[in-house]
Amino acid sequence: SSIFLLGPMLGRLRRAVVTYPGGCDIGLRPIDLHLQGLRALGVRIDE
């Protein structure tokens, strides 16, 4: 759930640096959709 901080940090600071999140090993659970949604709001993302 640390990935939840990406959106509010951008909303407040307009910048964020996060690592790929952890949690239970139940599958890949890619965060592509998170990044896709943020890009639609004008966020520039560099991995």
All heavy atoms as atom14 arrays in JSON, in Angstrom:
{
  "sequence": "SSIFLLGPMLGRLRRAVVTYPGGCDIGLRPIDLHLQGLRALGVRIDE",
  "atom14_mask": [
    [1, 1, 1, 1, 1, 1, 0, 0, 0, 0, 0, 0, 0, 0],
    [1, 1, 1, 1, 1, 1, 0, 0, 0, 0, 0, 0, 0, 0],
    [1, 1, 1, 1, 1, 1, 1, 1, 0, 0, 0, 0, 0, 0],
    [1, 1, 1, 1, 1, 1, 1, 1, 1, 1, 1, 0, 0, 0],
    [1, 1, 1, 1, 1, 1, 1, 1, 0, 0, 0, 0, 0, 0],
    [1, 1, 1, 1, 1, 1, 1, 1, 0, 0, 0, 0, 0, 0],
    [1, 1, 1, 1, 0, 0, 0, 0, 0, 0, 0, 0, 0, 0],
    [1, 1, 1, 1, 1, 1, 1, 0, 0, 0, 0, 0, 0, 0],
    [1, 1, 1, 1, 1, 1, 1, 1, 0, 0, 0, 0, 0, 0],
    [1, 1, 1, 1, 1, 1, 1, 1, 0, 0, 0, 0, 0, 0],
    [1, 1, 1, 1, 0, 0, 0, 0, 0, 0, 0, 0, 0, 0],
    [1, 1, 1, 1, 1, 1, 1, 1, 1, 1, 1, 0, 0, 0],
    [1, 1, 1, 1, 1, 1, 1, 1, 0, 0, 0, 0, 0, 0],
    [1, 1, 1, 1, 1, 1, 1, 1, 1, 1, 1, 0, 0, 0],
    [1, 1, 1, 1, 1, 1, 1, 1, 1, 1, 1, 0, 0, 0],
    [1, 1, 1, 1, 1, 0, 0, 0, 0, 0, 0, 0, 0, 0],
    [1, 1, 1, 1, 1, 1, 1, 0, 0, 0, 0, 0, 0, 0],
    [1, 1, 1, 1, 1, 1, 1, 0, 0, 0, 0, 0, 0, 0],
    [1, 1, 1, 1, 1, 1, 1, 0, 0, 0, 0, 0, 0, 0],
    [1, 1, 1, 1, 1, 1, 1, 1, 1, 1, 1, 1, 0, 0],
    [1, 1, 1, 1, 1, 1, 1, 0, 0, 0, 0, 0, 0, 0],
    [1, 1, 1, 1, 0, 0, 0, 0, 0, 0, 0, 0, 0, 0],
    [1, 1, 1, 1, 0, 0, 0, 0, 0, 0, 0, 0, 0, 0],
    [1, 1, 1, 1, 1, 1, 0, 0, 0, 0, 0, 0, 0, 0],
    [1, 1, 1, 1, 1, 1, 1, 1, 0, 0, 0, 0, 0, 0],
    [1, 1, 1, 1, 1, 1, 1, 1, 0, 0, 0, 0, 0, 0],
    [1, 1, 1, 1, 0, 0, 0, 0, 0, 0, 0, 0, 0, 0],
    [1, 1, 1, 1, 1, 1, 1, 1, 0, 0, 0, 0, 0, 0],
    [1, 1, 1, 1, 1, 1, 1, 1, 1, 1, 1, 0, 0, 0],
    [1, 1, 1, 1, 1, 1, 1, 0, 0, 0, 0, 0, 0, 0],
    [1, 1, 1, 1, 1, 1, 1, 1, 0, 0, 0, 0, 0, 0],
    [1, 1, 1, 1, 1, 1, 1, 1, 0, 0, 0, 0, 0, 0],
    [1, 1, 1, 1, 1, 1, 1, 1, 0, 0, 0, 0, 0, 0],
    [1, 1, 1, 1, 1, 1, 1, 1, 1, 1, 0, 0, 0, 0],
    [1, 1, 1, 1, 1, 1, 1, 1, 0, 0, 0, 0, 0, 0],
    [1, 1, 1, 1, 1, 1, 1, 1, 1, 0, 0, 0, 0, 0],
    [1, 1, 1, 1, 0, 0, 0, 0, 0, 0, 0, 0, 0, 0],
    [1, 1, 1, 1, 1, 1, 1, 1, 0, 0, 0, 0, 0, 0],
    [1, 1, 1, 1, 1, 1, 1, 1, 1, 1, 1, 0, 0, 0],
    [1, 1, 1, 1, 1, 0, 0, 0, 0, 0, 0, 0, 0, 0],
    [1, 1, 1, 1, 1, 1, 1, 1, 0, 0, 0, 0, 0, 0],
    [1, 1, 1, 1, 0, 0, 0, 0, 0, 0, 0, 0, 0, 0],
    [1, 1, 1, 1, 1, 1, 1, 0, 0, 0, 0, 0, 0, 0],
    [1, 1, 1, 1, 1, 1, 1, 1, 1, 1, 1, 0, 0, 0],
    [1, 1, 1, 1, 1, 1, 1, 1, 0, 0, 0, 0, 0, 0],
    [1, 1, 1, 1, 1, 1, 1, 1, 0, 0, 0, 0, 0, 0],
    [1, 1, 1, 1, 1, 1, 1, 1, 1, 0, 0, 0, 0, 0]
  ],
  "atom14_positions": [
    [[0.8, -1.22, 0.0], [0.0, 0.0, 0.0], [0.84, 1.27, 0.0], [0.29, 2.36, -0.09], [-0.94, 0.0, 1.21], [-1.81, -1.11, 1.16], [0.0, 0.0, 0.0], [0.0, 0.0, 0.0], [0.0, 0.0, 0.0], [0.0, 0.0, 0.0], [0.0, 0.0, 0.0], [0.0, 0.0, 0.0], [0.0, 0.0, 0.0], [0.0, 0.0, 0.0]],
    [[2.15, 1.15, 0.08], [2.99, 2.35, -0.02], [2.8, 3.05, -1.36], [3.0, 4.27, -1.47], [4.47, 1.98, 0.17], [4.89, 1.07, -0.84], [0.0, 0.0, 0.0], [0.0, 0.0, 0.0], [0.0, 0.0, 0.0], [0.0, 0.0, 0.0], [0.0, 0.0, 0.0], [0.0, 0.0, 0.0], [0.0, 0.0, 0.0], [0.0, 0.0, 0.0]],
    [[2.38, 2.31, -2.39], [2.17, 2.94, -3.69], [1.04, 3.95, -3.64], [0.96, 4.87, -4.47], [1.91, 1.86, -4.78], [2.08, 2.43, -6.19], [0.53, 1.24, -4.59], [3.47, 2.88, -6.51], [0.0, 0.0, 0.0], [0.0, 0.0, 0.0], [0.0, 0.0, 0.0], [0.0, 0.0, 0.0], [0.0, 0.0, 0.0], [0.0, 0.0, 0.0]],
    [[0.14, 3.82, -2.63], [-0.94, 4.8, -2.48], [-0.4, 6.21, -2.22], [-1.11, 7.18, -2.43], [-1.85, 4.42, -1.29], [-2.72, 3.24, -1.53], [-2.91, 2.31, -0.52], [-3.34, 3.02, -2.74], [-3.74, 1.2, -0.71], [-4.15, 1.92, -2.95], [-4.34, 1.02, -1.94], [0.0, 0.0, 0.0], [0.0, 0.0, 0.0], [0.0, 0.0, 0.0]],
    [[0.82, 6.31, -1.74], [1.37, 7.62, -1.41], [1.79, 8.4, -2.64], [2.0, 9.61, -2.56], [2.57, 7.46, -0.46], [2.19, 6.98, 0.95], [3.41, 6.4, 1.65], [1.62, 8.13, 1.75], [0.0, 0.0, 0.0], [0.0, 0.0, 0.0], [0.0, 0.0, 0.0], [0.0, 0.0, 0.0], [0.0, 0.0, 0.0], [0.0, 0.0, 0.0]],
    [[1.91, 7.73, -3.78], [2.37, 8.4, -4.98], [1.42, 9.51, -5.4], [1.85, 10.65, -5.65], [2.51, 7.36, -6.11], [3.12, 7.82, -7.43], [4.47, 8.47, -7.21], [3.23, 6.64, -8.38], [0.0, 0.0, 0.0], [0.0, 0.0, 0.0], [0.0, 0.0, 0.0], [0.0, 0.0, 0.0], [0.0, 0.0, 0.0], [0.0, 0.0, 0.0]],
    [[0.12, 9.22, -5.46], [-0.85, 10.23, -5.87], [-0.91, 11.43, -4.94], [-0.79, 12.58, -5.38], [0.0, 0.0, 0.0], [0.0, 0.0, 0.0], [0.0, 0.0, 0.0], [0.0, 0.0, 0.0], [0.0, 0.0, 0.0], [0.0, 0.0, 0.0], [0.0, 0.0, 0.0], [0.0, 0.0, 0.0], [0.0, 0.0, 0.0], [0.0, 0.0, 0.0]],
    [[-1.08, 11.23, -3.61], [-1.14, 12.38, -2.72], [0.16, 13.17, -2.63], [0.12, 14.39, -2.45], [-1.52, 11.77, -1.36], [-1.41, 10.32, -1.51], [-1.49, 9.99, -2.96], [0.0, 0.0, 0.0], [0.0, 0.0, 0.0], [0.0, 0.0, 0.0], [0.0, 0.0, 0.0], [0.0, 0.0, 0.0], [0.0, 0.0, 0.0], [0.0, 0.0, 0.0]],
    [[1.31, 12.51, -2.76], [2.57, 13.26, -2.76], [2.66, 14.17, -3.97], [3.1, 15.32, -3.88], [3.76, 12.3, -2.71], [3.94, 11.63, -1.35], [5.22, 10.36, -1.35], [6.69, 11.39, -1.53], [0.0, 0.0, 0.0], [0.0, 0.0, 0.0], [0.0, 0.0, 0.0], [0.0, 0.0, 0.0], [0.0, 0.0, 0.0], [0.0, 0.0, 0.0]],
    [[2.2, 13.67, -5.12], [2.17, 14.52, -6.31], [1.16, 15.65, -6.13], [1.41, 16.79, -6.54], [1.83, 13.67, -7.54], [2.96, 12.81, -8.08], [2.43, 11.77, -9.06], [4.02, 13.68, -8.75], [0.0, 0.0, 0.0], [0.0, 0.0, 0.0], [0.0, 0.0, 0.0], [0.0, 0.0, 0.0], [0.0, 0.0, 0.0], [0.0, 0.0, 0.0]],
    [[0.01, 15.34, -5.54], [-0.99, 16.37, -5.32], [-0.5, 17.48, -4.4], [-0.84, 18.65, -4.59], [0.0, 0.0, 0.0], [0.0, 0.0, 0.0], [0.0, 0.0, 0.0], [0.0, 0.0, 0.0], [0.0, 0.0, 0.0], [0.0, 0.0, 0.0], [0.0, 0.0, 0.0], [0.0, 0.0, 0.0], [0.0, 0.0, 0.0], [0.0, 0.0, 0.0]],
    [[0.3, 17.13, -3.41], [0.78, 18.1, -2.42], [2.1, 18.75, -2.83], [2.26, 19.98, -2.75], [0.94, 17.39, -1.08], [1.56, 18.2, 0.02], [0.57, 19.11, 0.74], [1.26, 19.82, 1.8], [1.41, 19.37, 3.03], [0.91, 18.17, 3.37], [2.05, 20.08, 3.94], [0.0, 0.0, 0.0], [0.0, 0.0, 0.0], [0.0, 0.0, 0.0]],
    [[3.09, 17.93, -3.27], [4.43, 18.45, -3.55], [4.72, 18.64, -5.03], [5.7, 19.28, -5.39], [5.48, 17.51, -2.96], [5.42, 17.25, -1.45], [6.47, 16.2, -1.06], [5.64, 18.54, -0.68], [0.0, 0.0, 0.0], [0.0, 0.0, 0.0], [0.0, 0.0, 0.0], [0.0, 0.0, 0.0], [0.0, 0.0, 0.0], [0.0, 0.0, 0.0]],
    [[3.88, 18.0, -5.87], [4.08, 17.99, -7.32], [5.34, 17.25, -7.73], [5.82, 17.37, -8.86], [4.1, 19.42, -7.9], [2.77, 20.14, -7.8], [1.7, 19.43, -8.63], [0.48, 20.19, -8.8], [-0.68, 19.89, -8.25], [-0.78, 18.81, -7.47], [-1.76, 20.6, -8.48], [0.0, 0.0, 0.0], [0.0, 0.0, 0.0], [0.0, 0.0, 0.0]],
    [[5.87, 16.43, -6.84], [7.02, 15.59, -7.16], [7.03, 14.42, -6.19], [6.66, 14.54, -5.02], [8.33, 16.37, -7.07], [9.57, 15.56, -7.39], [10.82, 16.42, -7.45], [12.03, 15.61, -7.49], [12.52, 15.03, -8.58], [11.9, 15.19, -9.74], [13.63, 14.32, -8.55], [0.0, 0.0, 0.0], [0.0, 0.0, 0.0], [0.0, 0.0, 0.0]],
    [[7.47, 13.25, -6.68], [7.56, 12.08, -5.82], [8.57, 11.1, -6.4], [8.7, 10.97, -7.63], [6.2, 11.4, -5.67], [0.0, 0.0, 0.0], [0.0, 0.0, 0.0], [0.0, 0.0, 0.0], [0.0, 0.0, 0.0], [0.0, 0.0, 0.0], [0.0, 0.0, 0.0], [0.0, 0.0, 0.0], [0.0, 0.0, 0.0], [0.0, 0.0, 0.0]],
    [[9.27, 10.43, -5.52], [10.2, 9.37, -5.91], [9.85, 8.15, -5.06], [9.92, 8.2, -3.83], [11.67, 9.77, -5.68], [12.6, 8.63, -6.11], [12.01, 11.05, -6.43], [0.0, 0.0, 0.0], [0.0, 0.0, 0.0], [0.0, 0.0, 0.0], [0.0, 0.0, 0.0], [0.0, 0.0, 0.0], [0.0, 0.0, 0.0], [0.0, 0.0, 0.0]],
    [[9.46, 7.07, -5.72], [9.07, 5.87, -5.0], [9.79, 4.66, -5.56], [10.22, 4.65, -6.72], [7.54, 5.64, -5.06], [6.79, 6.82, -4.5], [7.09, 5.35, -6.49], [0.0, 0.0, 0.0], [0.0, 0.0, 0.0], [0.0, 0.0, 0.0], [0.0, 0.0, 0.0], [0.0, 0.0, 0.0], [0.0, 0.0, 0.0], [0.0, 0.0, 0.0]],
    [[9.94, 3.64, -4.73], [10.46, 2.37, -5.18], [9.3, 1.44, -5.47], [8.16, 1.72, -5.1], [11.38, 1.75, -4.11], [12.04, 0.62, -4.67], [10.58, 1.33, -2.89], [0.0, 0.0, 0.0], [0.0, 0.0, 0.0], [0.0, 0.0, 0.0], [0.0, 0.0, 0.0], [0.0, 0.0, 0.0], [0.0, 0.0, 0.0], [0.0, 0.0, 0.0]],
    [[9.57, 0.35, -6.15], [8.5, -0.61, -6.41], [8.06, -1.23, -5.1], [8.88, -1.63, -4.28], [8.95, -1.68, -7.4], [9.02, -1.16, -8.8], [10.19, -0.59, -9.3], [7.89, -1.18, -9.61], [10.24, -0.09, -10.59], [7.93, -0.67, -10.91], [9.11, -0.13, -11.39], [9.15, 0.39, -12.67], [0.0, 0.0, 0.0], [0.0, 0.0, 0.0]],
    [[6.74, -1.31, -4.85], [6.24, -1.71, -3.54], [6.36, -3.2, -3.31], [6.47, -4.0, -4.24], [4.78, -1.26, -3.56], [4.41, -1.33, -5.01], [5.65, -0.94, -5.77], [0.0, 0.0, 0.0], [0.0, 0.0, 0.0], [0.0, 0.0, 0.0], [0.0, 0.0, 0.0], [0.0, 0.0, 0.0], [0.0, 0.0, 0.0], [0.0, 0.0, 0.0]],
    [[6.27, -3.58, -2.01], [6.32, -4.98, -1.62], [4.96, -5.48, -1.2], [3.94, -5.1, -1.76], [0.0, 0.0, 0.0], [0.0, 0.0, 0.0], [0.0, 0.0, 0.0], [0.0, 0.0, 0.0], [0.0, 0.0, 0.0], [0.0, 0.0, 0.0], [0.0, 0.0, 0.0], [0.0, 0.0, 0.0], [0.0, 0.0, 0.0], [0.0, 0.0, 0.0]],
    [[4.93, -6.33, -0.15], [3.68, -6.92, 0.31], [3.71, -8.43, 0.16], [4.77, -9.03, 0.04], [0.0, 0.0, 0.0], [0.0, 0.0, 0.0], [0.0, 0.0, 0.0], [0.0, 0.0, 0.0], [0.0, 0.0, 0.0], [0.0, 0.0, 0.0], [0.0, 0.0, 0.0], [0.0, 0.0, 0.0], [0.0, 0.0, 0.0], [0.0, 0.0, 0.0]],
    [[2.56, -9.07, 0.16], [2.49, -10.52, 0.03], [2.89, -10.96, -1.37], [2.61, -10.27, -2.36], [1.08, -11.02, 0.33], [0.64, -10.97, 2.08], [0.0, 0.0, 0.0], [0.0, 0.0, 0.0], [0.0, 0.0, 0.0], [0.0, 0.0, 0.0], [0.0, 0.0, 0.0], [0.0, 0.0, 0.0], [0.0, 0.0, 0.0], [0.0, 0.0, 0.0]],
    [[3.51, -12.13, -1.46], [3.91, -12.69, -2.74], [2.76, -13.48, -3.34], [2.71, -14.7, -3.29], [5.13, -13.59, -2.55], [5.67, -14.12, -3.86], [5.31, -13.56, -4.91], [6.43, -15.11, -3.84], [0.0, 0.0, 0.0], [0.0, 0.0, 0.0], [0.0, 0.0, 0.0], [0.0, 0.0, 0.0], [0.0, 0.0, 0.0], [0.0, 0.0, 0.0]],
    [[1.79, -12.75, -3.93], [0.62, -13.43, -4.5], [0.51, -13.17, -6.0], [-0.52, -13.41, -6.61], [-0.68, -12.99, -3.79], [-0.85, -11.48, -3.85], [-0.71, -13.49, -2.37], [-2.16, -10.99, -3.27], [0.0, 0.0, 0.0], [0.0, 0.0, 0.0], [0.0, 0.0, 0.0], [0.0, 0.0, 0.0], [0.0, 0.0, 0.0], [0.0, 0.0, 0.0]],
    [[1.59, -12.66, -6.6], [1.56, -12.4, -8.04], [2.31, -11.12, -8.36], [2.81, -10.42, -7.49], [0.0, 0.0, 0.0], [0.0, 0.0, 0.0], [0.0, 0.0, 0.0], [0.0, 0.0, 0.0], [0.0, 0.0, 0.0], [0.0, 0.0, 0.0], [0.0, 0.0, 0.0], [0.0, 0.0, 0.0], [0.0, 0.0, 0.0], [0.0, 0.0, 0.0]],
    [[2.36, -10.82, -9.64], [3.15, -9.68, -10.1], [2.56, -8.34, -9.65], [3.29, -7.43, -9.29], [3.26, -9.71, -11.63], [4.03, -10.91, -12.19], [3.97, -10.89, -13.71], [5.47, -10.91, -11.69], [0.0, 0.0, 0.0], [0.0, 0.0, 0.0], [0.0, 0.0, 0.0], [0.0, 0.0, 0.0], [0.0, 0.0, 0.0], [0.0, 0.0, 0.0]],
    [[1.25, -8.21, -9.7], [0.56, -6.98, -9.31], [1.27, -5.73, -9.87], [1.73, -4.87, -9.14], [0.46, -6.88, -7.78], [-0.3, -8.02, -7.18], [-0.79, -7.73, -5.8], [0.28, -7.75, -4.82], [0.08, -7.59, -3.52], [-1.13, -7.41, -3.06], [1.08, -7.64, -2.68], [0.0, 0.0, 0.0], [0.0, 0.0, 0.0], [0.0, 0.0, 0.0]],
    [[1.4, -5.64, -11.19], [2.12, -4.51, -11.77], [1.44, -3.19, -11.47], [0.22, -3.13, -11.28], [2.1, -4.82, -13.27], [0.91, -5.7, -13.46], [0.81, -6.51, -12.21], [0.0, 0.0, 0.0], [0.0, 0.0, 0.0], [0.0, 0.0, 0.0], [0.0, 0.0, 0.0], [0.0, 0.0, 0.0], [0.0, 0.0, 0.0], [0.0, 0.0, 0.0]],
    [[2.24, -2.12, -11.43], [1.68, -0.79, -11.14], [1.53, 0.03, -12.42], [1.38, 1.24, -12.35], [2.56, -0.05, -10.11], [3.96, 0.18, -10.67], [2.62, -0.84, -8.81], [4.78, 1.1, -9.8], [0.0, 0.0, 0.0], [0.0, 0.0, 0.0], [0.0, 0.0, 0.0], [0.0, 0.0, 0.0], [0.0, 0.0, 0.0], [0.0, 0.0, 0.0]],
    [[1.53, -0.65, -13.57], [1.39, 0.06, -14.84], [0.14, 0.93, -14.87], [0.17, 2.05, -15.42], [1.34, -0.93, -16.0], [2.61, -1.74, -16.14], [3.52, -1.55, -15.31], [2.68, -2.58, -17.05], [0.0, 0.0, 0.0], [0.0, 0.0, 0.0], [0.0, 0.0, 0.0], [0.0, 0.0, 0.0], [0.0, 0.0, 0.0], [0.0, 0.0, 0.0]],
    [[-0.98, 0.43, -14.32], [-2.22, 1.2, -14.37], [-2.12, 2.46, -13.52], [-2.68, 3.5, -13.88], [-3.4, 0.34, -13.91], [-3.76, -0.84, -14.82], [-4.87, -1.67, -14.2], [-4.18, -0.35, -16.2], [0.0, 0.0, 0.0], [0.0, 0.0, 0.0], [0.0, 0.0, 0.0], [0.0, 0.0, 0.0], [0.0, 0.0, 0.0], [0.0, 0.0, 0.0]],
    [[-1.42, 2.39, -12.39], [-1.2, 3.59, -11.58], [-0.48, 4.66, -12.41], [-0.88, 5.83, -12.44], [-0.33, 3.26, -10.35], [-0.95, 2.31, -9.39], [-1.42, 2.69, -8.16], [-1.14, 0.97, -9.47], [-1.88, 1.63, -7.51], [-1.72, 0.58, -8.29], [0.0, 0.0, 0.0], [0.0, 0.0, 0.0], [0.0, 0.0, 0.0], [0.0, 0.0, 0.0]],
    [[0.6, 4.23, -13.08], [1.41, 5.18, -13.85], [0.65, 5.69, -15.06], [0.74, 6.87, -15.42], [2.72, 4.52, -14.27], [3.57, 3.93, -13.13], [4.89, 3.4, -13.66], [3.8, 4.96, -12.03], [0.0, 0.0, 0.0], [0.0, 0.0, 0.0], [0.0, 0.0, 0.0], [0.0, 0.0, 0.0], [0.0, 0.0, 0.0], [0.0, 0.0, 0.0]],
    [[-0.13, 4.82, -15.7], [-0.95, 5.25, -16.83], [-1.92, 6.34, -16.42], [-2.07, 7.36, -17.11], [-1.73, 4.05, -17.38], [-2.8, 4.39, -18.4], [-3.81, 3.26, -18.57], [-3.48, 2.08, -18.4], [-5.05, 3.6, -18.88], [0.0, 0.0, 0.0], [0.0, 0.0, 0.0], [0.0, 0.0, 0.0], [0.0, 0.0, 0.0], [0.0, 0.0, 0.0]],
    [[-2.58, 6.16, -15.28], [-3.54, 7.15, -14.8], [-2.88, 8.48, -14.48], [-3.42, 9.55, -14.8], [0.0, 0.0, 0.0], [0.0, 0.0, 0.0], [0.0, 0.0, 0.0], [0.0, 0.0, 0.0], [0.0, 0.0, 0.0], [0.0, 0.0, 0.0], [0.0, 0.0, 0.0], [0.0, 0.0, 0.0], [0.0, 0.0, 0.0], [0.0, 0.0, 0.0]],
    [[-1.7, 8.43, -13.87], [-1.0, 9.67, -13.51], [-0.49, 10.4, -14.76], [-0.52, 11.63, -14.81], [0.15, 9.36, -12.56], [-0.29, 8.82, -11.19], [0.91, 8.38, -10.38], [-1.09, 9.87, -10.42], [0.0, 0.0, 0.0], [0.0, 0.0, 0.0], [0.0, 0.0, 0.0], [0.0, 0.0, 0.0], [0.0, 0.0, 0.0], [0.0, 0.0, 0.0]],
    [[-0.05, 9.63, -15.74], [0.4, 10.27, -16.99], [-0.76, 11.03, -17.66], [-0.55, 12.09, -18.26], [0.96, 9.23, -17.95], [2.35, 8.71, -17.57], [2.95, 7.88, -18.69], [4.32, 7.48, -18.38], [4.67, 6.27, -17.96], [3.74, 5.33, -17.8], [5.93, 5.99, -17.7], [0.0, 0.0, 0.0], [0.0, 0.0, 0.0], [0.0, 0.0, 0.0]],
    [[-1.98, 10.49, -17.53], [-3.14, 11.17, -18.11], [-3.41, 12.51, -17.43], [-4.11, 13.36, -18.0], [-4.38, 10.27, -18.01], [0.0, 0.0, 0.0], [0.0, 0.0, 0.0], [0.0, 0.0, 0.0], [0.0, 0.0, 0.0], [0.0, 0.0, 0.0], [0.0, 0.0, 0.0], [0.0, 0.0, 0.0], [0.0, 0.0, 0.0], [0.0, 0.0, 0.0]],
    [[-2.85, 12.7, -16.23], [-3.0, 13.97, -15.52], [-1.8, 14.89, -15.74], [-1.66, 15.91, -15.06], [-3.17, 13.72, -14.01], [-4.33, 12.82, -13.59], [-4.46, 12.82, -12.06], [-5.63, 13.27, -14.23], [0.0, 0.0, 0.0], [0.0, 0.0, 0.0], [0.0, 0.0, 0.0], [0.0, 0.0, 0.0], [0.0, 0.0, 0.0], [0.0, 0.0, 0.0]],
    [[-0.94, 14.54, -16.68], [0.19, 15.41, -17.01], [1.45, 15.14, -16.23], [2.41, 15.94, -16.3], [0.0, 0.0, 0.0], [0.0, 0.0, 0.0], [0.0, 0.0, 0.0], [0.0, 0.0, 0.0], [0.0, 0.0, 0.0], [0.0, 0.0, 0.0], [0.0, 0.0, 0.0], [0.0, 0.0, 0.0], [0.0, 0.0, 0.0], [0.0, 0.0, 0.0]],
    [[1.51, 14.03, -15.5], [2.71, 13.7, -14.73], [3.77, 13.09, -15.65], [3.48, 12.19, -16.43], [2.38, 12.71, -13.59], [3.64, 12.34, -12.8], [1.32, 13.29, -12.67], [0.0, 0.0, 0.0], [0.0, 0.0, 0.0], [0.0, 0.0, 0.0], [0.0, 0.0, 0.0], [0.0, 0.0, 0.0], [0.0, 0.0, 0.0], [0.0, 0.0, 0.0]],
    [[4.98, 13.6, -15.55], [6.12, 13.03, -16.29], [6.78, 11.99, -15.4], [7.13, 12.26, -14.25], [7.13, 14.12, -16.66], [6.57, 15.15, -17.65], [7.61, 16.2, -17.95], [8.83, 15.62, -18.5], [9.95, 16.31, -18.73], [10.0, 17.61, -18.46], [11.02, 15.71, -19.23], [0.0, 0.0, 0.0], [0.0, 0.0, 0.0], [0.0, 0.0, 0.0]],
    [[6.95, 10.78, -15.93], [7.43, 9.65, -15.13], [8.67, 9.06, -15.77], [8.7, 8.76, -16.97], [6.34, 8.57, -15.0], [5.11, 9.16, -14.29], [6.86, 7.36, -14.23], [3.92, 8.24, -14.24], [0.0, 0.0, 0.0], [0.0, 0.0, 0.0], [0.0, 0.0, 0.0], [0.0, 0.0, 0.0], [0.0, 0.0, 0.0], [0.0, 0.0, 0.0]],
    [[9.7, 8.89, -14.94], [10.96, 8.31, -15.39], [11.27, 7.13, -14.48], [11.4, 7.28, -13.27], [12.08, 9.36, -15.31], [13.4, 8.83, -15.87], [13.38, 7.78, -16.53], [14.44, 9.46, -15.62], [0.0, 0.0, 0.0], [0.0, 0.0, 0.0], [0.0, 0.0, 0.0], [0.0, 0.0, 0.0], [0.0, 0.0, 0.0], [0.0, 0.0, 0.0]],
    [[11.35, 5.93, -15.05], [11.66, 4.74, -14.27], [13.13, 4.38, -14.47], [13.57, 4.11, -15.58], [10.76, 3.58, -14.72], [9.27, 3.86, -14.56], [8.42, 2.72, -15.08], [8.52, 1.6, -14.53], [7.67, 2.95, -16.04], [0.0, 0.0, 0.0], [0.0, 0.0, 0.0], [0.0, 0.0, 0.0], [0.0, 0.0, 0.0], [0.0, 0.0, 0.0]]
  ]
}
